[in-house]
């Protein structure tokens, strides 16, 4: 999202509803992406900003700063997510989740990031196929280790996401 979208099309809550966080994960990790954070987004700003006049932000909304901090730390710590020729190639993963689940991997040298987003109203247990770099991964948000195979079944929460990393720069504390 950005200031223009917020002012003219509505807040991310108006436009994306419960999918505002998985949409941000997707926009921050997909190849050729550049995530933006606009004024008040980290405080769940629920109003459209005035575009041509100075506006105020209620900073007392439910905080999302830890979420955004973790996403930006992910982008900095994982070379596979870097921009342009410095980042990794994106490989779509086939899933049996239909249009509700989007999954891909980005790999650069020994660094791999696997992203799965679920835009539906129900938890999705999906089988993915074609992970180019199977092996030991860490769930970026829970910091739990797991082994990902080339083909495997995983659960992605409703209006949620899963991000797994291998290699890269270890996180300080997402």
N, C-alpha and C. Protein backbone atom coordinates (compact mmCIF):
# COMPACT_ATOMS: atom_id res chain seq x y z
N UNK A 1 0.84 -1.17 0.00
CA UNK A 1 0.00 0.00 0.00
C UNK A 1 0.89 1.24 0.00
N UNK A 2 0.27 2.38 -0.12
CA UNK A 2 1.01 3.64 -0.04
C UNK A 2 0.03 4.77 0.23
N UNK A 3 0.56 5.99 0.40
CA UNK A 3 -0.28 7.13 0.72
C UNK A 3 -1.36 7.37 -0.34
N UNK A 4 -1.00 7.25 -1.61
CA UNK A 4 -1.97 7.47 -2.68
C UNK A 4 -3.11 6.47 -2.60
N UNK A 5 -2.76 5.19 -2.48
CA UNK A 5 -3.78 4.14 -2.38
C UNK A 5 -4.67 4.38 -1.17
N UNK A 6 -4.05 4.73 -0.04
CA UNK A 6 -4.82 4.97 1.18
C UNK A 6 -5.80 6.11 0.97
N UNK A 7 -5.36 7.20 0.38
CA UNK A 7 -6.23 8.38 0.22
C UNK A 7 -7.34 8.16 -0.79
N UNK A 8 -7.02 7.54 -1.92
CA UNK A 8 -7.98 7.48 -3.02
C UNK A 8 -8.76 6.17 -3.08
N UNK A 9 -8.15 5.06 -2.70
CA UNK A 9 -8.81 3.75 -2.82
C UNK A 9 -9.25 3.17 -1.48
N UNK A 10 -8.70 3.67 -0.38
CA UNK A 10 -9.06 3.18 0.94
C UNK A 10 -7.89 2.58 1.67
N UNK A 11 -8.06 2.40 2.96
CA UNK A 11 -7.02 1.79 3.78
C UNK A 11 -6.81 0.35 3.36
N UNK A 12 -5.71 -0.25 3.80
CA UNK A 12 -5.51 -1.67 3.47
C UNK A 12 -6.59 -2.54 4.09
N UNK A 13 -7.19 -2.07 5.19
CA UNK A 13 -8.27 -2.83 5.82
C UNK A 13 -9.54 -2.78 4.97
N UNK A 14 -9.79 -1.63 4.36
CA UNK A 14 -10.94 -1.50 3.45
C UNK A 14 -10.73 -2.33 2.19
N UNK A 15 -9.53 -2.24 1.62
CA UNK A 15 -9.26 -2.88 0.33
C UNK A 15 -8.96 -4.36 0.45
N UNK A 16 -8.27 -4.78 1.50
CA UNK A 16 -7.81 -6.17 1.60
C UNK A 16 -8.42 -6.93 2.76
N UNK A 17 -9.11 -6.25 3.64
CA UNK A 17 -9.72 -6.92 4.79
C UNK A 17 -8.71 -7.71 5.59
N UNK A 18 -9.06 -8.94 5.93
CA UNK A 18 -8.19 -9.79 6.74
C UNK A 18 -6.93 -10.24 5.99
N UNK A 19 -6.85 -9.96 4.71
CA UNK A 19 -5.69 -10.36 3.92
C UNK A 19 -4.60 -9.28 3.86
N UNK A 20 -4.72 -8.24 4.68
CA UNK A 20 -3.71 -7.17 4.60
C UNK A 20 -2.32 -7.65 5.00
N UNK A 21 -2.18 -8.57 5.96
CA UNK A 21 -0.85 -9.05 6.33
C UNK A 21 -0.27 -10.03 5.31
N UNK A 22 -1.03 -11.06 4.84
CA UNK A 22 -0.44 -11.91 3.81
C UNK A 22 -0.13 -11.14 2.53
N UNK A 23 -0.92 -10.12 2.21
CA UNK A 23 -0.62 -9.32 1.02
C UNK A 23 0.70 -8.57 1.21
N UNK A 24 0.96 -8.11 2.42
CA UNK A 24 2.24 -7.42 2.66
C UNK A 24 3.41 -8.39 2.60
N UNK A 25 3.23 -9.58 3.17
CA UNK A 25 4.29 -10.60 3.08
C UNK A 25 4.60 -10.88 1.62
N UNK A 26 3.56 -11.04 0.82
CA UNK A 26 3.76 -11.31 -0.61
C UNK A 26 4.48 -10.15 -1.28
N UNK A 27 4.02 -8.93 -1.03
CA UNK A 27 4.64 -7.77 -1.69
C UNK A 27 6.07 -7.53 -1.24
N UNK A 28 6.43 -8.02 -0.07
CA UNK A 28 7.79 -7.83 0.44
C UNK A 28 8.76 -8.92 -0.01
N UNK A 29 8.24 -10.03 -0.51
CA UNK A 29 9.12 -11.17 -0.79
C UNK A 29 9.14 -11.59 -2.25
N UNK A 30 8.14 -11.26 -3.03
CA UNK A 30 8.08 -11.67 -4.42
C UNK A 30 9.21 -10.98 -5.21
N UNK A 31 9.69 -11.64 -6.25
CA UNK A 31 10.79 -11.10 -7.04
C UNK A 31 10.43 -9.72 -7.60
N UNK A 32 11.41 -8.83 -7.62
CA UNK A 32 11.27 -7.45 -8.11
C UNK A 32 10.35 -6.60 -7.25
N UNK A 33 10.22 -6.95 -5.98
CA UNK A 33 9.36 -6.18 -5.09
C UNK A 33 10.16 -5.14 -4.33
N UNK A 34 9.45 -4.16 -3.82
CA UNK A 34 10.04 -3.16 -2.95
C UNK A 34 8.96 -2.72 -1.98
N UNK A 35 8.94 -3.31 -0.79
CA UNK A 35 7.87 -2.99 0.16
C UNK A 35 8.00 -1.57 0.68
N UNK A 36 6.87 -0.92 0.87
CA UNK A 36 6.80 0.42 1.43
C UNK A 36 5.98 0.38 2.71
N UNK A 37 6.28 1.29 3.60
CA UNK A 37 5.52 1.45 4.83
C UNK A 37 5.11 2.92 4.89
N UNK A 38 3.81 3.19 4.88
CA UNK A 38 3.38 4.58 4.89
C UNK A 38 2.99 5.00 6.30
N UNK A 39 2.90 6.29 6.49
CA UNK A 39 2.62 6.88 7.79
C UNK A 39 1.41 6.24 8.45
N UNK A 40 1.61 5.73 9.65
CA UNK A 40 0.51 5.18 10.44
C UNK A 40 0.22 3.72 10.20
N UNK A 41 0.81 3.14 9.18
CA UNK A 41 0.53 1.74 8.88
C UNK A 41 0.94 0.84 10.04
N UNK A 42 2.03 1.19 10.72
CA UNK A 42 2.51 0.39 11.83
C UNK A 42 1.61 0.49 13.07
N UNK A 43 0.66 1.44 13.04
CA UNK A 43 -0.30 1.60 14.13
C UNK A 43 -1.71 1.24 13.69
N UNK A 44 -1.81 0.42 12.63
CA UNK A 44 -3.11 -0.01 12.10
C UNK A 44 -4.02 1.17 11.78
N UNK A 45 -3.46 2.19 11.15
CA UNK A 45 -4.25 3.37 10.79
C UNK A 45 -5.49 2.95 10.02
N UNK A 46 -6.64 3.26 10.56
CA UNK A 46 -7.90 2.82 9.96
C UNK A 46 -8.66 3.91 9.25
N UNK A 47 -7.97 4.98 8.87
CA UNK A 47 -8.66 6.05 8.15
C UNK A 47 -7.89 6.40 6.89
N UNK A 48 -8.61 6.99 5.95
CA UNK A 48 -7.97 7.50 4.73
C UNK A 48 -7.29 8.82 5.07
N UNK A 49 -6.04 8.94 4.67
CA UNK A 49 -5.31 10.18 4.91
C UNK A 49 -5.75 11.25 3.92
N UNK A 50 -5.82 12.50 4.42
CA UNK A 50 -6.09 13.61 3.51
C UNK A 50 -4.90 13.72 2.59
N UNK A 51 -5.15 13.90 1.32
CA UNK A 51 -4.06 13.88 0.35
C UNK A 51 -3.38 15.23 0.18
N UNK A 52 -4.14 16.29 0.16
CA UNK A 52 -3.56 17.61 -0.12
C UNK A 52 -3.33 18.45 1.13
N UNK A 53 -3.82 18.01 2.26
CA UNK A 53 -3.68 18.77 3.50
C UNK A 53 -2.98 17.93 4.56
N UNK A 54 -2.35 18.64 5.49
CA UNK A 54 -1.71 17.94 6.61
C UNK A 54 -2.76 17.15 7.37
N UNK A 55 -2.41 15.94 7.76
CA UNK A 55 -3.35 15.08 8.47
C UNK A 55 -2.69 14.55 9.73
N UNK A 56 -3.48 14.03 10.61
CA UNK A 56 -2.97 13.47 11.87
C UNK A 56 -3.13 11.95 11.86
N UNK A 57 -2.34 11.32 12.70
CA UNK A 57 -2.39 9.86 12.83
C UNK A 57 -2.67 9.52 14.28
N UNK A 58 -3.62 8.64 14.51
CA UNK A 58 -3.87 8.12 15.85
C UNK A 58 -2.91 6.96 16.06
N UNK A 59 -1.90 7.16 16.89
CA UNK A 59 -0.86 6.16 17.11
C UNK A 59 -1.26 5.13 18.15
N UNK A 60 -2.53 5.14 18.59
CA UNK A 60 -2.98 4.21 19.63
C UNK A 60 -3.68 2.98 19.07
N UNK A 61 -3.64 2.78 17.76
CA UNK A 61 -4.25 1.60 17.17
C UNK A 61 -3.47 0.35 17.52
N UNK A 62 -4.03 -0.81 17.22
CA UNK A 62 -3.30 -2.06 17.49
C UNK A 62 -1.95 -2.04 16.78
N UNK A 63 -0.86 -2.22 17.53
CA UNK A 63 0.47 -2.10 16.92
C UNK A 63 0.81 -3.26 16.00
N UNK A 64 1.33 -2.90 14.84
CA UNK A 64 1.84 -3.88 13.89
C UNK A 64 3.34 -3.69 13.68
N UNK A 65 3.96 -2.89 14.52
CA UNK A 65 5.37 -2.56 14.34
C UNK A 65 6.26 -3.79 14.41
N UNK A 66 5.96 -4.76 15.28
CA UNK A 66 6.78 -5.97 15.36
C UNK A 66 6.70 -6.77 14.05
N UNK A 67 5.51 -6.83 13.46
CA UNK A 67 5.33 -7.52 12.19
C UNK A 67 6.18 -6.86 11.10
N UNK A 68 6.05 -5.54 10.96
CA UNK A 68 6.81 -4.85 9.91
C UNK A 68 8.31 -4.90 10.18
N UNK A 69 8.71 -4.82 11.43
CA UNK A 69 10.13 -4.93 11.76
C UNK A 69 10.66 -6.29 11.33
N UNK A 70 9.89 -7.35 11.56
CA UNK A 70 10.30 -8.71 11.17
C UNK A 70 10.39 -8.84 9.66
N UNK A 71 9.47 -8.23 8.92
CA UNK A 71 9.51 -8.30 7.45
C UNK A 71 10.74 -7.58 6.91
N UNK A 72 11.03 -6.39 7.43
CA UNK A 72 12.20 -5.67 6.94
C UNK A 72 13.49 -6.37 7.35
N UNK A 73 13.52 -6.98 8.52
CA UNK A 73 14.70 -7.77 8.93
C UNK A 73 14.87 -8.96 7.99
N UNK A 74 13.77 -9.59 7.61
CA UNK A 74 13.81 -10.71 6.67
C UNK A 74 14.45 -10.28 5.35
N UNK A 75 14.00 -9.16 4.82
CA UNK A 75 14.54 -8.67 3.54
C UNK A 75 16.03 -8.36 3.62
N UNK A 76 16.46 -7.84 4.74
CA UNK A 76 17.88 -7.49 4.89
C UNK A 76 18.75 -8.71 5.16
N UNK A 77 18.21 -9.70 5.87
CA UNK A 77 19.00 -10.86 6.28
C UNK A 77 19.09 -11.95 5.22
N UNK A 78 18.19 -11.94 4.25
CA UNK A 78 18.11 -13.02 3.28
C UNK A 78 18.51 -12.53 1.89
N UNK A 79 19.72 -12.81 1.44
CA UNK A 79 20.17 -12.37 0.11
C UNK A 79 19.24 -12.82 -1.02
N UNK A 80 18.54 -13.92 -0.84
CA UNK A 80 17.61 -14.37 -1.89
C UNK A 80 16.50 -13.35 -2.12
N UNK A 81 16.22 -12.49 -1.13
CA UNK A 81 15.15 -11.51 -1.25
C UNK A 81 15.65 -10.13 -1.67
N UNK A 82 16.94 -9.99 -1.90
CA UNK A 82 17.46 -8.69 -2.30
C UNK A 82 16.94 -8.32 -3.68
N UNK A 83 17.03 -7.06 -4.01
CA UNK A 83 16.50 -6.55 -5.28
C UNK A 83 17.45 -6.77 -6.45
N UNK A 84 16.87 -6.70 -7.64
CA UNK A 84 17.63 -6.74 -8.88
C UNK A 84 18.50 -7.97 -9.02
N UNK A 85 19.65 -7.81 -9.65
CA UNK A 85 20.52 -8.96 -9.91
C UNK A 85 21.15 -9.53 -8.63
N UNK A 86 21.03 -8.82 -7.52
CA UNK A 86 21.61 -9.29 -6.25
C UNK A 86 20.69 -10.28 -5.55
N UNK A 87 19.44 -10.33 -5.90
CA UNK A 87 18.49 -11.24 -5.27
C UNK A 87 18.44 -12.58 -5.97
N UNK A 88 17.59 -13.44 -5.45
CA UNK A 88 17.47 -14.78 -6.00
C UNK A 88 16.34 -14.93 -6.98
N UNK A 89 16.49 -15.92 -7.84
CA UNK A 89 15.46 -16.26 -8.82
C UNK A 89 14.24 -16.83 -8.10
N UNK A 90 13.07 -16.52 -8.61
CA UNK A 90 11.83 -17.00 -8.03
C UNK A 90 11.33 -18.22 -8.79
N UNK A 91 10.96 -19.26 -8.04
CA UNK A 91 10.40 -20.48 -8.60
C UNK A 91 9.02 -20.69 -8.00
N UNK A 92 7.99 -20.70 -8.83
CA UNK A 92 6.64 -20.97 -8.33
C UNK A 92 6.54 -22.42 -7.90
N UNK A 93 5.86 -22.66 -6.79
CA UNK A 93 5.61 -24.02 -6.32
C UNK A 93 4.17 -24.38 -6.65
N UNK A 94 3.99 -25.48 -7.32
CA UNK A 94 2.64 -25.96 -7.61
C UNK A 94 2.03 -26.47 -6.31
N UNK A 95 0.78 -26.09 -6.06
CA UNK A 95 0.09 -26.59 -4.87
C UNK A 95 -1.30 -27.09 -5.27
N UNK A 96 -1.89 -27.83 -4.38
CA UNK A 96 -3.28 -28.25 -4.59
C UNK A 96 -4.23 -27.31 -3.86
N UNK A 97 -3.77 -26.10 -3.57
CA UNK A 97 -4.57 -25.11 -2.84
C UNK A 97 -5.42 -24.23 -3.72
N UNK A 98 -5.39 -24.45 -5.03
CA UNK A 98 -6.19 -23.63 -5.94
C UNK A 98 -5.77 -22.17 -5.89
N UNK A 99 -6.72 -21.29 -6.06
CA UNK A 99 -6.43 -19.86 -6.07
C UNK A 99 -6.24 -19.27 -4.69
N UNK A 100 -6.54 -20.04 -3.65
CA UNK A 100 -6.45 -19.49 -2.30
C UNK A 100 -5.04 -19.47 -1.74
N UNK A 101 -4.14 -20.32 -2.26
CA UNK A 101 -2.77 -20.38 -1.74
C UNK A 101 -1.78 -20.10 -2.87
N UNK A 102 -0.87 -19.18 -2.61
CA UNK A 102 0.19 -18.86 -3.55
C UNK A 102 1.51 -19.21 -2.87
N UNK A 103 2.37 -19.96 -3.57
CA UNK A 103 3.63 -20.41 -2.95
C UNK A 103 4.77 -20.29 -3.95
N UNK A 104 5.93 -19.92 -3.44
CA UNK A 104 7.12 -19.83 -4.27
C UNK A 104 8.36 -19.93 -3.41
N UNK A 105 9.48 -20.14 -4.07
CA UNK A 105 10.79 -20.14 -3.41
C UNK A 105 11.68 -19.17 -4.16
N UNK A 106 12.56 -18.51 -3.42
CA UNK A 106 13.60 -17.69 -4.03
C UNK A 106 14.94 -18.18 -3.51
N UNK A 107 15.88 -18.36 -4.41
CA UNK A 107 17.16 -18.95 -4.04
C UNK A 107 18.31 -18.14 -4.63
N UNK A 108 19.31 -17.92 -3.80
CA UNK A 108 20.55 -17.30 -4.23
C UNK A 108 21.68 -18.01 -3.50
N UNK A 109 22.52 -18.70 -4.26
CA UNK A 109 23.63 -19.50 -3.69
C UNK A 109 23.06 -20.46 -2.64
N UNK A 110 23.54 -20.40 -1.40
CA UNK A 110 23.07 -21.33 -0.38
C UNK A 110 21.92 -20.76 0.45
N UNK A 111 21.38 -19.64 0.02
CA UNK A 111 20.26 -19.00 0.72
C UNK A 111 18.96 -19.26 -0.02
N UNK A 112 17.96 -19.80 0.70
CA UNK A 112 16.64 -20.04 0.11
C UNK A 112 15.56 -19.52 1.05
N UNK A 113 14.53 -18.95 0.45
CA UNK A 113 13.37 -18.48 1.20
C UNK A 113 12.14 -19.08 0.53
N UNK A 114 11.29 -19.72 1.32
CA UNK A 114 10.05 -20.30 0.82
C UNK A 114 8.90 -19.51 1.44
N UNK A 115 7.98 -19.06 0.59
CA UNK A 115 6.86 -18.24 1.04
C UNK A 115 5.56 -18.89 0.60
N UNK A 116 4.61 -18.98 1.52
CA UNK A 116 3.27 -19.49 1.22
C UNK A 116 2.27 -18.52 1.85
N UNK A 117 1.32 -18.04 1.05
CA UNK A 117 0.28 -17.16 1.57
C UNK A 117 -1.08 -17.77 1.27
N UNK A 118 -2.00 -17.62 2.23
CA UNK A 118 -3.34 -18.17 2.11
C UNK A 118 -4.32 -17.01 2.21
N UNK A 119 -5.03 -16.73 1.12
CA UNK A 119 -5.96 -15.62 1.08
C UNK A 119 -7.41 -16.05 1.35
N UNK A 120 -7.61 -17.28 1.83
CA UNK A 120 -8.98 -17.76 2.02
C UNK A 120 -9.43 -17.62 3.48
N UNK A 121 -10.70 -17.91 3.70
CA UNK A 121 -11.30 -17.81 5.03
C UNK A 121 -11.10 -19.06 5.88
N UNK A 122 -10.40 -20.06 5.35
CA UNK A 122 -10.18 -21.31 6.11
C UNK A 122 -8.70 -21.68 6.08
N UNK A 123 -8.27 -22.36 7.13
CA UNK A 123 -6.91 -22.89 7.13
C UNK A 123 -6.75 -23.79 5.91
N UNK A 124 -5.58 -23.79 5.32
CA UNK A 124 -5.34 -24.58 4.12
C UNK A 124 -4.21 -25.57 4.37
N UNK A 125 -4.53 -26.85 4.31
CA UNK A 125 -3.49 -27.87 4.32
C UNK A 125 -3.27 -28.25 2.87
N UNK A 126 -2.12 -27.84 2.35
CA UNK A 126 -1.85 -28.00 0.93
C UNK A 126 -0.58 -28.81 0.71
N UNK A 127 -0.58 -29.48 -0.40
CA UNK A 127 0.64 -30.17 -0.82
C UNK A 127 1.29 -29.31 -1.90
N UNK A 128 2.57 -29.03 -1.69
CA UNK A 128 3.32 -28.32 -2.72
C UNK A 128 4.22 -29.31 -3.44
N UNK A 129 4.60 -28.96 -4.65
CA UNK A 129 5.46 -29.79 -5.48
C UNK A 129 6.53 -28.90 -6.09
N UNK A 130 7.75 -29.38 -6.13
CA UNK A 130 8.78 -28.71 -6.90
C UNK A 130 9.70 -27.79 -6.14
N UNK A 131 9.84 -27.97 -4.83
CA UNK A 131 10.80 -27.14 -4.09
C UNK A 131 12.20 -27.44 -4.61
N UNK A 132 12.88 -26.45 -5.20
CA UNK A 132 14.18 -26.72 -5.82
C UNK A 132 15.31 -26.96 -4.83
N UNK A 133 15.12 -26.57 -3.57
CA UNK A 133 16.20 -26.68 -2.58
C UNK A 133 15.69 -27.31 -1.29
N UNK A 134 15.36 -28.61 -1.31
CA UNK A 134 14.90 -29.25 -0.08
C UNK A 134 16.01 -29.26 0.97
N UNK A 135 15.61 -29.37 2.22
CA UNK A 135 16.59 -29.43 3.29
C UNK A 135 16.06 -28.83 4.58
N UNK A 136 17.00 -28.49 5.47
CA UNK A 136 16.65 -27.92 6.77
C UNK A 136 16.35 -26.43 6.63
N UNK A 137 15.23 -26.00 7.19
CA UNK A 137 14.79 -24.61 7.15
C UNK A 137 14.41 -24.15 8.55
N UNK A 138 14.26 -22.86 8.70
CA UNK A 138 13.76 -22.25 9.93
C UNK A 138 12.54 -21.42 9.58
N UNK A 139 11.47 -21.60 10.34
CA UNK A 139 10.29 -20.75 10.19
C UNK A 139 10.69 -19.36 10.69
N UNK A 140 10.63 -18.36 9.82
CA UNK A 140 11.13 -17.03 10.15
C UNK A 140 10.43 -16.44 11.37
N UNK A 141 9.14 -16.66 11.50
CA UNK A 141 8.38 -16.01 12.57
C UNK A 141 8.40 -16.79 13.89
N UNK A 142 8.37 -18.10 13.85
CA UNK A 142 8.39 -18.89 15.10
C UNK A 142 9.80 -19.31 15.49
N UNK A 143 10.73 -19.25 14.55
CA UNK A 143 12.12 -19.69 14.74
C UNK A 143 12.24 -21.19 14.99
N UNK A 144 11.22 -21.96 14.63
CA UNK A 144 11.27 -23.41 14.75
C UNK A 144 11.92 -24.00 13.50
N UNK A 145 12.74 -25.03 13.71
CA UNK A 145 13.41 -25.71 12.61
C UNK A 145 12.51 -26.80 12.06
N UNK A 146 12.61 -27.05 10.76
CA UNK A 146 11.89 -28.15 10.14
C UNK A 146 12.59 -28.53 8.84
N UNK A 147 12.31 -29.73 8.38
CA UNK A 147 12.85 -30.21 7.12
C UNK A 147 11.78 -30.07 6.06
N UNK A 148 12.13 -29.42 4.95
CA UNK A 148 11.21 -29.30 3.82
C UNK A 148 11.70 -30.21 2.71
N UNK A 149 10.81 -31.06 2.24
CA UNK A 149 11.12 -31.97 1.13
C UNK A 149 10.75 -31.30 -0.19
N UNK A 150 11.12 -31.92 -1.29
CA UNK A 150 10.77 -31.41 -2.61
C UNK A 150 9.27 -31.36 -2.83
N UNK A 151 8.57 -32.33 -2.25
CA UNK A 151 7.11 -32.39 -2.25
C UNK A 151 6.68 -32.66 -0.82
N UNK A 152 5.74 -31.87 -0.32
CA UNK A 152 5.35 -32.01 1.09
C UNK A 152 4.02 -31.34 1.32
N UNK A 153 3.38 -31.71 2.43
CA UNK A 153 2.12 -31.10 2.82
C UNK A 153 2.36 -30.18 4.01
N UNK A 154 1.84 -28.97 3.95
CA UNK A 154 1.96 -27.99 5.03
C UNK A 154 0.63 -27.30 5.24
N UNK A 155 0.43 -26.77 6.43
CA UNK A 155 -0.78 -26.00 6.73
C UNK A 155 -0.42 -24.52 6.79
N UNK A 156 -1.24 -23.72 6.11
CA UNK A 156 -1.09 -22.27 6.13
C UNK A 156 -2.39 -21.72 6.73
N UNK A 157 -2.29 -20.92 7.80
CA UNK A 157 -3.52 -20.44 8.44
C UNK A 157 -4.36 -19.55 7.54
N UNK A 158 -5.64 -19.48 7.83
CA UNK A 158 -6.55 -18.63 7.07
C UNK A 158 -6.06 -17.19 7.13
N UNK A 159 -6.15 -16.49 6.01
CA UNK A 159 -5.65 -15.12 5.91
C UNK A 159 -4.25 -15.01 6.51
N UNK A 160 -3.43 -16.02 6.22
CA UNK A 160 -2.12 -16.09 6.85
C UNK A 160 -0.99 -16.39 5.90
N UNK A 161 0.14 -16.71 6.46
CA UNK A 161 1.37 -16.90 5.69
C UNK A 161 2.32 -17.79 6.47
N UNK A 162 3.24 -18.39 5.73
CA UNK A 162 4.37 -19.14 6.29
C UNK A 162 5.60 -18.71 5.51
N UNK A 163 6.69 -18.44 6.21
CA UNK A 163 7.95 -18.05 5.58
C UNK A 163 9.05 -18.89 6.20
N UNK A 164 9.77 -19.62 5.35
CA UNK A 164 10.85 -20.49 5.79
C UNK A 164 12.15 -20.02 5.16
N UNK A 165 13.22 -20.04 5.94
CA UNK A 165 14.52 -19.57 5.44
C UNK A 165 15.60 -20.61 5.68
N UNK A 166 16.57 -20.61 4.77
CA UNK A 166 17.75 -21.45 4.92
C UNK A 166 18.94 -20.59 4.51
N UNK A 167 19.93 -20.53 5.37
CA UNK A 167 21.10 -19.70 5.08
C UNK A 167 20.79 -18.25 5.36
N UNK A 168 21.56 -17.38 4.76
CA UNK A 168 21.36 -15.95 4.99
C UNK A 168 22.05 -15.50 6.26
N UNK A 169 21.75 -14.32 6.68
CA UNK A 169 22.31 -13.74 7.89
C UNK A 169 21.36 -14.05 9.04
N UNK A 170 21.83 -14.69 10.13
CA UNK A 170 20.90 -15.03 11.22
C UNK A 170 20.18 -13.79 11.76
N UNK A 171 18.90 -13.93 12.06
CA UNK A 171 18.12 -12.78 12.55
C UNK A 171 18.54 -12.39 13.96
N UNK A 172 18.45 -11.09 14.24
CA UNK A 172 18.70 -10.63 15.60
C UNK A 172 17.58 -11.17 16.48
N UNK A 173 16.37 -10.72 16.26
CA UNK A 173 15.17 -11.24 16.89
C UNK A 173 13.98 -10.71 16.11
N UNK A 174 13.41 -11.53 15.24
CA UNK A 174 12.26 -11.02 14.46
C UNK A 174 11.04 -10.85 15.33
